[in-house]
Every structure is written in structure tokens, then in C-alpha cells.
PDB file of N, CA and C in Angstrom:
ATOM      1  N   UNK A   1      82.436  86.629  44.043  1.00  0.00           N
ATOM      2  CA  UNK A   1      82.609  86.513  42.610  1.00  0.00           C
ATOM      3  C   UNK A   1      82.554  85.046  42.177  1.00  0.00           C
ATOM      4  N   UNK A   2      83.294  84.218  42.898  1.00  0.00           N
ATOM      5  CA  UNK A   2      83.309  82.801  42.543  1.00  0.00           C
ATOM      6  C   UNK A   2      81.944  82.159  42.735  1.00  0.00           C
ATOM      7  N   UNK A   3      81.196  82.593  43.766  1.00  0.00           N
ATOM      8  CA  UNK A   3      79.865  82.040  43.994  1.00  0.00           C
ATOM      9  C   UNK A   3      78.930  82.390  42.847  1.00  0.00           C
ATOM     10  N   UNK A   4      79.048  83.602  42.303  1.00  0.00           N
ATOM     11  CA  UNK A   4      78.187  84.015  41.200  1.00  0.00           C
ATOM     12  C   UNK A   4      78.474  83.175  39.961  1.00  0.00           C
ATOM     13  N   UNK A   5      79.736  82.850  39.724  1.00  0.00           N
ATOM     14  CA  UNK A   5      80.079  82.028  38.560  1.00  0.00           C
ATOM     15  C   UNK A   5      79.532  80.613  38.735  1.00  0.00           C
ATOM     16  N   UNK A   6      79.725  80.030  39.913  1.00  0.00           N
ATOM     17  CA  UNK A   6      79.319  78.643  40.106  1.00  0.00           C
ATOM     18  C   UNK A   6      77.805  78.479  40.112  1.00  0.00           C
ATOM     19  N   UNK A   7      77.061  79.445  40.629  1.00  0.00           N
ATOM     20  CA  UNK A   7      75.604  79.321  40.686  1.00  0.00           C
ATOM     21  C   UNK A   7      74.931  79.641  39.359  1.00  0.00           C
ATOM     22  N   UNK A   8      75.441  80.629  38.648  1.00  0.00           N
ATOM     23  CA  UNK A   8      74.750  81.076  37.441  1.00  0.00           C
ATOM     24  C   UNK A   8      75.383  80.553  36.154  1.00  0.00           C
ATOM     25  N   UNK A   9      76.649  80.196  36.190  1.00  0.00           N
ATOM     26  CA  UNK A   9      77.306  79.660  35.015  1.00  0.00           C
ATOM     27  C   UNK A   9      77.786  80.706  34.030  1.00  0.00           C
ATOM     28  N   UNK A  10      77.807  81.981  34.400  1.00  0.00           N
ATOM     29  CA  UNK A  10      78.338  83.010  33.506  1.00  0.00           C
ATOM     30  C   UNK A  10      79.108  84.041  34.319  1.00  0.00           C
ATOM     31  N   UNK A  11      79.985  84.752  33.639  1.00  0.00           N
ATOM     32  CA  UNK A  11      80.775  85.782  34.305  1.00  0.00           C
ATOM     33  C   UNK A  11      79.949  87.048  34.490  1.00  0.00           C
ATOM     34  N   UNK A  12      79.989  87.653  35.668  1.00  0.00           N
ATOM     35  CA  UNK A  12      79.283  88.916  35.869  1.00  0.00           C
ATOM     36  C   UNK A  12      80.003  90.058  35.156  1.00  0.00           C
ATOM     37  N   UNK A  13      79.304  91.137  34.940  1.00  0.00           N
ATOM     38  CA  UNK A  13      79.902  92.292  34.272  1.00  0.00           C
ATOM     39  C   UNK A  13      80.929  92.956  35.184  1.00  0.00           C
ATOM     40  N   UNK A  14      81.728  93.829  34.607  1.00  0.00           N
ATOM     41  CA  UNK A  14      82.731  94.553  35.382  1.00  0.00           C
ATOM     42  C   UNK A  14      82.070  95.420  36.446  1.00  0.00           C
ATOM     43  N   UNK A  15      80.903  95.974  36.139  1.00  0.00           N
ATOM     44  CA  UNK A  15      80.184  96.800  37.120  1.00  0.00           C
ATOM     45  C   UNK A  15      79.794  95.958  38.327  1.00  0.00           C
ATOM     46  N   UNK A  16      79.319  94.754  38.098  1.00  0.00           N
ATOM     47  CA  UNK A  16      78.949  93.872  39.205  1.00  0.00           C
ATOM     48  C   UNK A  16      80.152  93.530  40.064  1.00  0.00           C
ATOM     49  N   UNK A  17      81.287  93.301  39.438  1.00  0.00           N
ATOM     50  CA  UNK A  17      82.488  92.959  40.204  1.00  0.00           C
ATOM     51  C   UNK A  17      82.967  94.142  41.028  1.00  0.00           C
ATOM     52  N   UNK A  18      82.932  95.345  40.468  1.00  0.00           N
ATOM     53  CA  UNK A  18      83.346  96.539  41.213  1.00  0.00           C
ATOM     54  C   UNK A  18      82.388  96.782  42.370  1.00  0.00           C
ATOM     55  N   UNK A  19      81.093  96.595  42.122  1.00  0.00           N
ATOM     56  CA  UNK A  19      80.098  96.775  43.168  1.00  0.00           C
ATOM     57  C   UNK A  19      80.329  95.777  44.299  1.00  0.00           C
ATOM     58  N   UNK A  20      80.591  94.534  43.955  1.00  0.00           N
ATOM     59  CA  UNK A  20      80.852  93.517  44.974  1.00  0.00           C
ATOM     60  C   UNK A  20      82.085  93.878  45.778  1.00  0.00           C
ATOM     61  N   UNK A  21      83.112  94.343  45.113  1.00  0.00           N
ATOM     62  CA  UNK A  21      84.346  94.707  45.797  1.00  0.00           C
ATOM     63  C   UNK A  21      84.125  95.861  46.759  1.00  0.00           C
ATOM     64  N   UNK A  22      83.483  96.933  46.287  1.00  0.00           N
ATOM     65  CA  UNK A  22      83.348  98.121  47.129  1.00  0.00           C
ATOM     66  C   UNK A  22      82.246  97.998  48.167  1.00  0.00           C
ATOM     67  N   UNK A  23      81.161  97.289  47.845  1.00  0.00           N
ATOM     68  CA  UNK A  23      80.031  97.222  48.763  1.00  0.00           C
ATOM     69  C   UNK A  23      80.125  96.067  49.756  1.00  0.00           C
ATOM     70  N   UNK A  24      80.882  95.049  49.450  1.00  0.00           N
ATOM     71  CA  UNK A  24      80.949  93.894  50.343  1.00  0.00           C
ATOM     72  C   UNK A  24      82.328  93.715  50.955  1.00  0.00           C
ATOM     73  N   UNK A  25      83.338  93.616  50.119  1.00  0.00           N
ATOM     74  CA  UNK A  25      84.668  93.270  50.618  1.00  0.00           C
ATOM     75  C   UNK A  25      85.276  94.409  51.425  1.00  0.00           C
ATOM     76  N   UNK A  26      85.261  95.632  50.906  1.00  0.00           N
ATOM     77  CA  UNK A  26      85.848  96.761  51.625  1.00  0.00           C
ATOM     78  C   UNK A  26      85.090  97.060  52.914  1.00  0.00           C
ATOM     79  N   UNK A  27      83.762  96.979  52.869  1.00  0.00           N
ATOM     80  CA  UNK A  27      82.954  97.240  54.064  1.00  0.00           C
ATOM     81  C   UNK A  27      83.208  96.174  55.123  1.00  0.00           C
ATOM     82  N   UNK A  28      83.274  94.924  54.704  1.00  0.00           N
ATOM     83  CA  UNK A  28      83.550  93.840  55.648  1.00  0.00           C
ATOM     84  C   UNK A  28      84.935  93.989  56.249  1.00  0.00           C
ATOM     85  N   UNK A  29      85.910  94.340  55.443  1.00  0.00           N
ATOM     86  CA  UNK A  29      87.271  94.531  55.927  1.00  0.00           C
ATOM     87  C   UNK A  29      87.331  95.656  56.953  1.00  0.00           C
ATOM     88  N   UNK A  30      86.666  96.775  56.668  1.00  0.00           N
ATOM     89  CA  UNK A  30      86.657  97.904  57.601  1.00  0.00           C
ATOM     90  C   UNK A  30      85.951  97.531  58.901  1.00  0.00           C
ATOM     91  N   UNK A  31      84.830  96.822  58.793  1.00  0.00           N
ATOM     92  CA  UNK A  31      84.095  96.400  59.990  1.00  0.00           C
ATOM     93  C   UNK A  31      84.944  95.488  60.868  1.00  0.00           C
ATOM     94  N   UNK A  32      85.580  94.496  60.246  1.00  0.00           N
ATOM     95  CA  UNK A  32      86.397  93.571  61.026  1.00  0.00           C
ATOM     96  C   UNK A  32      87.608  94.259  61.640  1.00  0.00           C
ATOM     97  N   UNK A  33      88.163  95.234  60.947  1.00  0.00           N
ATOM     98  CA  UNK A  33      89.286  95.989  61.514  1.00  0.00           C
ATOM     99  C   UNK A  33      88.860  96.723  62.776  1.00  0.00           C
ATOM    100  N   UNK A  34      87.690  97.360  62.719  1.00  0.00           N
ATOM    101  CA  UNK A  34      87.165  98.051  63.903  1.00  0.00           C
ATOM    102  C   UNK A  34      86.808  97.055  65.007  1.00  0.00           C
ATOM    103  N   UNK A  35      86.241  95.939  64.627  1.00  0.00           N
ATOM    104  CA  UNK A  35      85.816  94.921  65.598  1.00  0.00           C
ATOM    105  C   UNK A  35      87.021  94.373  66.364  1.00  0.00           C
ATOM    106  N   UNK A  36      88.060  93.963  65.641  1.00  0.00           N
ATOM    107  CA  UNK A  36      89.215  93.367  66.300  1.00  0.00           C
ATOM    108  C   UNK A  36      90.058  94.396  67.044  1.00  0.00           C
ATOM    109  N   UNK A  37      89.939  95.662  66.675  1.00  0.00           N
ATOM    110  CA  UNK A  37      90.646  96.714  67.400  1.00  0.00           C
ATOM    111  C   UNK A  37      89.916  97.083  68.684  1.00  0.00           C
ATOM    112  N   UNK A  38      88.700  96.558  68.872  1.00  0.00           N
ATOM    113  CA  UNK A  38      87.863  96.808  70.049  1.00  0.00           C
ATOM    114  C   UNK A  38      87.651  98.296  70.276  1.00  0.00           C
ATOM    115  N   UNK A  39      87.324  99.003  69.195  1.00  0.00           N
ATOM    116  CA  UNK A  39      87.056 100.430  69.302  1.00  0.00           C
ATOM    117  C   UNK A  39      85.723 100.667  69.999  1.00  0.00           C
ATOM    118  N   UNK A  40      85.603 101.804  70.665  1.00  0.00           N
ATOM    119  CA  UNK A  40      84.361 102.151  71.346  1.00  0.00           C
ATOM    120  C   UNK A  40      83.263 102.530  70.367  1.00  0.00           C
ATOM    121  N   UNK A  41      83.632 103.087  69.230  1.00  0.00           N
ATOM    122  CA  UNK A  41      82.651 103.461  68.210  1.00  0.00           C
ATOM    123  C   UNK A  41      83.301 103.312  66.838  1.00  0.00           C
ATOM    124  N   UNK A  42      82.458 103.352  65.805  1.00  0.00           N
ATOM    125  CA  UNK A  42      82.979 103.259  64.448  1.00  0.00           C
ATOM    126  C   UNK A  42      82.791 104.593  63.743  1.00  0.00           C
ATOM    127  N   UNK A  43      83.636 104.844  62.755  1.00  0.00           N
ATOM    128  CA  UNK A  43      83.628 106.140  62.082  1.00  0.00           C
ATOM    129  C   UNK A  43      82.438 106.375  61.183  1.00  0.00           C
ATOM    130  N   UNK A  44      81.920 105.326  60.574  1.00  0.00           N
ATOM    131  CA  UNK A  44      80.825 105.475  59.609  1.00  0.00           C
ATOM    132  C   UNK A  44      79.661 104.603  60.020  1.00  0.00           C
ATOM    133  N   UNK A  45      78.475 105.155  59.887  1.00  0.00           N
ATOM    134  CA  UNK A  45      77.266 104.403  60.188  1.00  0.00           C
ATOM    135  C   UNK A  45      76.345 104.448  58.984  1.00  0.00           C
ATOM    136  N   UNK A  46      75.626 103.393  58.728  1.00  0.00           N
ATOM    137  CA  UNK A  46      74.664 103.386  57.633  1.00  0.00           C
ATOM    138  C   UNK A  46      75.273 102.941  56.323  1.00  0.00           C
ATOM    139  N   UNK A  47      74.609 103.309  55.234  1.00  0.00           N
ATOM    140  CA  UNK A  47      74.998 102.845  53.904  1.00  0.00           C
ATOM    141  C   UNK A  47      75.959 103.786  53.197  1.00  0.00           C
ATOM    142  N   UNK A  48      76.249 104.927  53.765  1.00  0.00           N
ATOM    143  CA  UNK A  48      77.073 105.923  53.086  1.00  0.00           C
ATOM    144  C   UNK A  48      78.531 105.715  53.425  1.00  0.00           C
ATOM    145  N   UNK A  49      79.379 105.765  52.395  1.00  0.00           N
ATOM    146  CA  UNK A  49      80.816 105.538  52.590  1.00  0.00           C
ATOM    147  C   UNK A  49      81.542 106.858  52.553  1.00  0.00           C
TER     148      UNK A  49
END
């Protein structure tokens, strides 16, 4: 979110912020949780949540 403001100079819409939250932050958090837990496999594969 902060990178979008600094590069473009305007605030993104609420839809863009929700998309960034659900598509980037939550996915990254889930991936890192599985990674650090050293699981043999992950529950979800691909783009579908």
C-alpha cells in the first residue's frame, strides 16, 4: 500500500487495498507459516483460496 502511494502519488481505491490484503498479505502469511512449520505438503495449491 505504501509503495503504491509513494510511486504514483495518489491513494488507491478501497477495492485495490482489499485485493492487496487478500491476494498478497494473507497468501504470504499462510505460505510462511507452512514454510517455517516445515510441513511435508501445503493445503492449497494454485490461485484458488
